């Protein structure tokens, strides 16, 4: 063999190298599908906190209270659930996917009112800060 000659080992075709699907793999897949848990549906007018975050984002975009490139994250809604004493949340019925359910109409109203109050408060504080800054400049 000369230095330019290279010995190439024989390879099997790609189809022959792939392992074939076994009956056990197919059985496991069908077992997983059969074992899927069925969840209890929530009553009309109620949704899970994650779904409420999506609805709230859409409503706030519609009301122009949230920039189009932002969204309300589910963590924010769970914060309302945990800390918002007046947030309209109830425990979900047994067997539901989520542990909490939010009343959609009351929740949207609560969140919009809260956002408007926060915006008014920020505007008022900014106006007061500008007024006090203007007073200190004139001295």
C-alpha atoms as a PDB file:
ATOM      1  CA  UNK A   1       0.000   0.000   0.000  1.00  0.00           C
ATOM      2  CA  UNK A   2       1.332   3.401  -0.946  1.00  0.00           C
ATOM      3  CA  UNK A   3       1.016   6.476   1.316  1.00  0.00           C
ATOM      4  CA  UNK A   4      -1.790   7.920  -0.816  1.00  0.00           C
ATOM      5  CA  UNK A   5      -3.931   4.799  -0.584  1.00  0.00           C
ATOM      6  CA  UNK A   6      -6.252   4.634   2.383  1.00  0.00           C
ATOM      7  CA  UNK A   7      -8.049   1.564   3.497  1.00  0.00           C
ATOM      8  CA  UNK A   8     -11.775   2.308   3.935  1.00  0.00           C
ATOM      9  CA  UNK A   9     -13.690   0.021   6.275  1.00  0.00           C
ATOM     10  CA  UNK A  10     -16.926  -1.393   4.955  1.00  0.00           C
ATOM     11  CA  UNK A  11     -20.058   0.247   6.311  1.00  0.00           C
ATOM     12  CA  UNK A  12     -23.577  -1.033   6.339  1.00  0.00           C
ATOM     13  CA  UNK A  13     -26.324   1.001   4.665  1.00  0.00           C
ATOM     14  CA  UNK A  14     -28.025   3.544   6.944  1.00  0.00           C
ATOM     15  CA  UNK A  15     -31.298   1.619   6.956  1.00  0.00           C
ATOM     16  CA  UNK A  16     -29.552  -1.452   8.306  1.00  0.00           C
ATOM     17  CA  UNK A  17     -27.878   0.495  11.124  1.00  0.00           C
ATOM     18  CA  UNK A  18     -31.079   1.919  12.644  1.00  0.00           C
ATOM     19  CA  UNK A  19     -32.633  -0.146  15.401  1.00  0.00           C
ATOM     20  CA  UNK A  20     -36.076  -1.409  14.612  1.00  0.00           C
ATOM     21  CA  UNK A  21     -39.055  -0.327  16.714  1.00  0.00           C
ATOM     22  CA  UNK A  22     -39.977  -3.005  19.183  1.00  0.00           C
ATOM     23  CA  UNK A  23     -43.400  -4.057  20.218  1.00  0.00           C
ATOM     24  CA  UNK A  24     -42.559  -2.976  23.774  1.00  0.00           C
ATOM     25  CA  UNK A  25     -42.007   0.638  22.663  1.00  0.00           C
ATOM     26  CA  UNK A  26     -45.351   0.687  20.907  1.00  0.00           C
ATOM     27  CA  UNK A  27     -47.047  -0.831  23.959  1.00  0.00           C
ATOM     28  CA  UNK A  28     -45.570   1.839  26.253  1.00  0.00           C
ATOM     29  CA  UNK A  29     -46.802   4.624  23.972  1.00  0.00           C
ATOM     30  CA  UNK A  30     -50.344   3.265  23.978  1.00  0.00           C
ATOM     31  CA  UNK A  31     -50.228   2.783  27.765  1.00  0.00           C
ATOM     32  CA  UNK A  32     -49.235   6.419  28.262  1.00  0.00           C
ATOM     33  CA  UNK A  33     -52.139   7.567  26.120  1.00  0.00           C
ATOM     34  CA  UNK A  34     -54.541   5.341  28.020  1.00  0.00           C
ATOM     35  CA  UNK A  35     -53.229   6.528  31.408  1.00  0.00           C
ATOM     36  CA  UNK A  36     -53.885  10.227  30.731  1.00  0.00           C
ATOM     37  CA  UNK A  37     -55.737  11.727  33.646  1.00  0.00           C
ATOM     38  CA  UNK A  38     -59.081  13.360  33.028  1.00  0.00           C
ATOM     39  CA  UNK A  39     -59.572  16.660  34.820  1.00  0.00           C
ATOM     40  CA  UNK A  40     -62.708  18.231  36.176  1.00  0.00           C
ATOM     41  CA  UNK A  41     -63.880  21.202  34.119  1.00  0.00           C
ATOM     42  CA  UNK A  42     -64.139  24.571  35.841  1.00  0.00           C
ATOM     43  CA  UNK A  43     -67.565  26.237  36.140  1.00  0.00           C
ATOM     44  CA  UNK A  44     -68.638  28.763  33.506  1.00  0.00           C
ATOM     45  CA  UNK A  45     -67.066  32.179  34.007  1.00  0.00           C
ATOM     46  CA  UNK A  46     -63.991  30.772  35.784  1.00  0.00           C
ATOM     47  CA  UNK A  47     -60.538  29.987  34.432  1.00  0.00           C
ATOM     48  CA  UNK A  48     -57.189  28.867  35.810  1.00  0.00           C
ATOM     49  CA  UNK A  49     -54.682  31.615  36.729  1.00  0.00           C
ATOM     50  CA  UNK A  50     -52.488  30.912  33.677  1.00  0.00           C
ATOM     51  CA  UNK A  51     -55.457  31.277  31.314  1.00  0.00           C
ATOM     52  CA  UNK A  52     -56.519  34.406  33.189  1.00  0.00           C
ATOM     53  CA  UNK A  53     -53.069  35.935  32.558  1.00  0.00           C
ATOM     54  CA  UNK A  54     -53.610  35.492  28.809  1.00  0.00           C
ATOM     55  CA  UNK A  55     -57.114  36.983  28.952  1.00  0.00           C
ATOM     56  CA  UNK A  56     -55.874  39.889  31.068  1.00  0.00           C
ATOM     57  CA  UNK A  57     -53.043  40.605  28.633  1.00  0.00           C
ATOM     58  CA  UNK A  58     -55.500  40.779  25.725  1.00  0.00           C
ATOM     59  CA  UNK A  59     -57.901  43.034  27.668  1.00  0.00           C
ATOM     60  CA  UNK A  60     -55.131  45.405  28.810  1.00  0.00           C
ATOM     61  CA  UNK A  61     -53.852  45.687  25.228  1.00  0.00           C
ATOM     62  CA  UNK A  62     -57.401  46.474  24.117  1.00  0.00           C
ATOM     63  CA  UNK A  63     -57.782  49.151  26.838  1.00  0.00           C
ATOM     64  CA  UNK A  64     -54.309  50.566  25.994  1.00  0.00           C
ATOM     65  CA  UNK A  65     -53.206  50.014  29.605  1.00  0.00           C
ATOM     66  CA  UNK A  66     -50.330  47.743  28.594  1.00  0.00           C
ATOM     67  CA  UNK A  67     -47.855  48.230  25.724  1.00  0.00           C
ATOM     68  CA  UNK A  68     -48.361  45.769  22.862  1.00  0.00           C
ATOM     69  CA  UNK A  69     -44.892  44.240  23.321  1.00  0.00           C
ATOM     70  CA  UNK A  70     -45.541  43.339  26.980  1.00  0.00           C
ATOM     71  CA  UNK A  71     -47.652  40.652  28.587  1.00  0.00           C
ATOM     72  CA  UNK A  72     -48.988  39.787  32.025  1.00  0.00           C
ATOM     73  CA  UNK A  73     -47.043  36.770  33.195  1.00  0.00           C
ATOM     74  CA  UNK A  74     -48.767  33.970  35.103  1.00  0.00           C
ATOM     75  CA  UNK A  75     -46.495  34.654  38.091  1.00  0.00           C
ATOM     76  CA  UNK A  76     -48.128  38.061  38.453  1.00  0.00           C
ATOM     77  CA  UNK A  77     -51.584  36.483  38.594  1.00  0.00           C
ATOM     78  CA  UNK A  78     -50.387  33.938  41.164  1.00  0.00           C
ATOM     79  CA  UNK A  79     -49.077  36.904  43.172  1.00  0.00           C
ATOM     80  CA  UNK A  80     -52.585  38.393  43.093  1.00  0.00           C
ATOM     81  CA  UNK A  81     -53.951  35.013  44.213  1.00  0.00           C
ATOM     82  CA  UNK A  82     -51.551  34.822  47.135  1.00  0.00           C
ATOM     83  CA  UNK A  83     -51.477  38.457  48.266  1.00  0.00           C
ATOM     84  CA  UNK A  84     -54.562  40.160  46.832  1.00  0.00           C
ATOM     85  CA  UNK A  85     -57.128  39.933  49.601  1.00  0.00           C
ATOM     86  CA  UNK A  86     -59.865  41.266  47.298  1.00  0.00           C
ATOM     87  CA  UNK A  87     -58.806  39.403  44.147  1.00  0.00           C
ATOM     88  CA  UNK A  88     -61.736  37.202  43.020  1.00  0.00           C
ATOM     89  CA  UNK A  89     -60.193  33.747  43.356  1.00  0.00           C
ATOM     90  CA  UNK A  90     -61.636  30.532  44.739  1.00  0.00           C
ATOM     91  CA  UNK A  91     -60.256  27.052  45.278  1.00  0.00           C
ATOM     92  CA  UNK A  92     -60.877  24.817  42.273  1.00  0.00           C
ATOM     93  CA  UNK A  93     -63.162  21.797  42.521  1.00  0.00           C
ATOM     94  CA  UNK A  94     -61.465  18.524  43.325  1.00  0.00           C
ATOM     95  CA  UNK A  95     -59.908  16.937  40.260  1.00  0.00           C
ATOM     96  CA  UNK A  96     -59.281  20.227  38.448  1.00  0.00           C
ATOM     97  CA  UNK A  97     -55.963  20.852  36.750  1.00  0.00           C
ATOM     98  CA  UNK A  98     -55.175  23.979  38.796  1.00  0.00           C
ATOM     99  CA  UNK A  99     -55.648  24.553  42.504  1.00  0.00           C
ATOM    100  CA  UNK A 100     -57.286  27.944  41.979  1.00  0.00           C
ATOM    101  CA  UNK A 101     -59.949  29.371  39.705  1.00  0.00           C
ATOM    102  CA  UNK A 102     -60.424  33.043  38.877  1.00  0.00           C
ATOM    103  CA  UNK A 103     -63.766  34.678  38.124  1.00  0.00           C
ATOM    104  CA  UNK A 104     -63.052  36.213  34.703  1.00  0.00           C
ATOM    105  CA  UNK A 105     -65.418  39.219  34.782  1.00  0.00           C
ATOM    106  CA  UNK A 106     -64.602  40.239  38.365  1.00  0.00           C
ATOM    107  CA  UNK A 107     -60.882  39.539  37.886  1.00  0.00           C
ATOM    108  CA  UNK A 108     -60.623  41.715  34.784  1.00  0.00           C
ATOM    109  CA  UNK A 109     -62.509  44.531  36.517  1.00  0.00           C
ATOM    110  CA  UNK A 110     -60.282  44.240  39.615  1.00  0.00           C
ATOM    111  CA  UNK A 111     -57.063  44.302  37.586  1.00  0.00           C
ATOM    112  CA  UNK A 112     -58.111  47.206  35.350  1.00  0.00           C
ATOM    113  CA  UNK A 113     -59.215  49.274  38.359  1.00  0.00           C
ATOM    114  CA  UNK A 114     -55.931  48.473  40.098  1.00  0.00           C
ATOM    115  CA  UNK A 115     -53.880  49.492  37.052  1.00  0.00           C
ATOM    116  CA  UNK A 116     -55.790  52.759  36.672  1.00  0.00           C
ATOM    117  CA  UNK A 117     -55.318  53.622  40.372  1.00  0.00           C
ATOM    118  CA  UNK A 118     -51.607  52.852  40.113  1.00  0.00           C
ATOM    119  CA  UNK A 119     -51.260  55.041  37.001  1.00  0.00           C
ATOM    120  CA  UNK A 120     -53.121  57.919  38.703  1.00  0.00           C
ATOM    121  CA  UNK A 121     -50.954  57.601  41.794  1.00  0.00           C
ATOM    122  CA  UNK A 122     -47.755  57.659  39.728  1.00  0.00           C
ATOM    123  CA  UNK A 123     -48.951  60.703  37.779  1.00  0.00           C
ATOM    124  CA  UNK A 124     -49.856  62.507  41.003  1.00  0.00           C
ATOM    125  CA  UNK A 125     -46.461  61.757  42.565  1.00  0.00           C
ATOM    126  CA  UNK A 126     -44.681  62.898  39.411  1.00  0.00           C
ATOM    127  CA  UNK A 127     -46.665  66.158  39.418  1.00  0.00           C
ATOM    128  CA  UNK A 128     -45.849  66.735  43.097  1.00  0.00           C
ATOM    129  CA  UNK A 129     -42.178  65.999  42.471  1.00  0.00           C
ATOM    130  CA  UNK A 130     -42.122  68.438  39.544  1.00  0.00           C
ATOM    131  CA  UNK A 131     -43.849  71.082  41.670  1.00  0.00           C
ATOM    132  CA  UNK A 132     -41.392  70.699  44.555  1.00  0.00           C
ATOM    133  CA  UNK A 133     -38.480  70.720  42.135  1.00  0.00           C
ATOM    134  CA  UNK A 134     -39.806  73.923  40.589  1.00  0.00           C
ATOM    135  CA  UNK A 135     -40.133  75.515  44.056  1.00  0.00           C
ATOM    136  CA  UNK A 136     -36.534  74.669  44.964  1.00  0.00           C
ATOM    137  CA  UNK A 137     -35.262  76.166  41.680  1.00  0.00           C
ATOM    138  CA  UNK A 138     -36.920  79.522  42.374  1.00  0.00           C
ATOM    139  CA  UNK A 139     -35.129  79.939  45.703  1.00  0.00           C
END
